[in-house]
Every structure is written in structure tokens, then in C-alpha cells.
């Protein structure tokens, strides 16, 4: 299986939500920094109730 960068970001946000892992949020910041489909991520973070972590990870 190959996972897209966007799905990896969403997975890391989901993991950060459950584990309160700062490392996951740092990873997300690094991944976002090299470009991604923000609309796709926004849609899925809303669907998975992760929208509070998504803006936080971009700060």
C-alpha cells in the first residue's frame, strides 16, 4: 500500500488527537510545509472531528 501525503497528515492528526502527541503535530507541520491538498485535508478533518487539530498544526 502507498499512502498519500494528505492521508498521512490526517492519520497523524488522528493519532495526535488520541495520544496528545506533540511529535505527530511537528510531523504534520513538516509535511504541510512541502505542499499538500489543503482542501482535501480540511474536508476529512471535518468529517473525522479533527478540525481543531488541523489549524493548530499549521501554526
C-alpha atoms as a PDB file:
ATOM      1  CA  UNK A   1       0.000   0.000   0.000  1.00  0.00           C
ATOM      2  CA  UNK A   2       1.084   3.531  -0.713  1.00  0.00           C
ATOM      3  CA  UNK A   3      -0.442   6.325   1.298  1.00  0.00           C
ATOM      4  CA  UNK A   4      -0.756   9.886   0.026  1.00  0.00           C
ATOM      5  CA  UNK A   5       0.857  12.740   1.919  1.00  0.00           C
ATOM      6  CA  UNK A   6      -2.612  14.086   2.730  1.00  0.00           C
ATOM      7  CA  UNK A   7      -3.777  10.772   4.192  1.00  0.00           C
ATOM      8  CA  UNK A   8      -0.573  10.538   6.218  1.00  0.00           C
ATOM      9  CA  UNK A   9      -1.258  14.017   7.610  1.00  0.00           C
ATOM     10  CA  UNK A  10      -4.809  13.023   8.526  1.00  0.00           C
ATOM     11  CA  UNK A  11      -3.545   9.825  10.169  1.00  0.00           C
ATOM     12  CA  UNK A  12      -1.030  11.783  12.214  1.00  0.00           C
ATOM     13  CA  UNK A  13      -3.720  14.253  13.305  1.00  0.00           C
ATOM     14  CA  UNK A  14      -5.953  11.341  14.324  1.00  0.00           C
ATOM     15  CA  UNK A  15      -3.093   9.818  16.303  1.00  0.00           C
ATOM     16  CA  UNK A  16      -2.308  13.186  17.922  1.00  0.00           C
ATOM     17  CA  UNK A  17      -5.937  13.527  18.994  1.00  0.00           C
ATOM     18  CA  UNK A  18      -5.875  10.210  20.850  1.00  0.00           C
ATOM     19  CA  UNK A  19      -2.323  10.332  22.185  1.00  0.00           C
ATOM     20  CA  UNK A  20      -1.799  14.095  22.630  1.00  0.00           C
ATOM     21  CA  UNK A  21       1.500  13.574  20.812  1.00  0.00           C
ATOM     22  CA  UNK A  22       3.416  16.749  20.042  1.00  0.00           C
ATOM     23  CA  UNK A  23       5.673  14.715  17.740  1.00  0.00           C
ATOM     24  CA  UNK A  24       2.731  13.949  15.441  1.00  0.00           C
ATOM     25  CA  UNK A  25       1.873  17.653  15.201  1.00  0.00           C
ATOM     26  CA  UNK A  26       5.508  18.522  14.429  1.00  0.00           C
ATOM     27  CA  UNK A  27       5.498  15.879  11.697  1.00  0.00           C
ATOM     28  CA  UNK A  28       2.322  17.387  10.251  1.00  0.00           C
ATOM     29  CA  UNK A  29       3.895  20.864  10.180  1.00  0.00           C
ATOM     30  CA  UNK A  30       6.875  19.480   8.274  1.00  0.00           C
ATOM     31  CA  UNK A  31       4.680  17.616   5.795  1.00  0.00           C
ATOM     32  CA  UNK A  32       2.435  20.634   5.199  1.00  0.00           C
ATOM     33  CA  UNK A  33       5.475  22.832   4.634  1.00  0.00           C
ATOM     34  CA  UNK A  34       6.354  20.977   1.452  1.00  0.00           C
ATOM     35  CA  UNK A  35       2.870  21.415  -0.032  1.00  0.00           C
ATOM     36  CA  UNK A  36      -0.342  19.427   0.101  1.00  0.00           C
ATOM     37  CA  UNK A  37      -4.015  19.451  -0.909  1.00  0.00           C
ATOM     38  CA  UNK A  38      -5.396  21.558   1.939  1.00  0.00           C
ATOM     39  CA  UNK A  39      -8.998  21.303   0.704  1.00  0.00           C
ATOM     40  CA  UNK A  40      -8.849  17.505   0.894  1.00  0.00           C
ATOM     41  CA  UNK A  41      -7.382  17.641   4.401  1.00  0.00           C
ATOM     42  CA  UNK A  42      -9.931  20.205   5.559  1.00  0.00           C
ATOM     43  CA  UNK A  43     -12.797  18.052   4.267  1.00  0.00           C
ATOM     44  CA  UNK A  44     -11.567  14.929   6.051  1.00  0.00           C
ATOM     45  CA  UNK A  45     -10.553  16.642   9.272  1.00  0.00           C
ATOM     46  CA  UNK A  46     -14.103  17.978   9.479  1.00  0.00           C
ATOM     47  CA  UNK A  47     -15.531  14.527   8.722  1.00  0.00           C
ATOM     48  CA  UNK A  48     -13.345  12.858  11.374  1.00  0.00           C
ATOM     49  CA  UNK A  49     -13.805  15.581  14.006  1.00  0.00           C
ATOM     50  CA  UNK A  50     -10.156  16.633  13.790  1.00  0.00           C
ATOM     51  CA  UNK A  51     -10.803  20.210  12.696  1.00  0.00           C
ATOM     52  CA  UNK A  52      -9.461  21.573  15.991  1.00  0.00           C
ATOM     53  CA  UNK A  53      -6.064  19.984  15.333  1.00  0.00           C
ATOM     54  CA  UNK A  54      -5.745  20.955  11.682  1.00  0.00           C
ATOM     55  CA  UNK A  55      -5.380  24.748  12.116  1.00  0.00           C
ATOM     56  CA  UNK A  56      -3.237  24.150  15.215  1.00  0.00           C
ATOM     57  CA  UNK A  57      -0.796  22.040  13.235  1.00  0.00           C
ATOM     58  CA  UNK A  58      -0.224  24.838  10.716  1.00  0.00           C
ATOM     59  CA  UNK A  59       0.764  27.455  13.318  1.00  0.00           C
END
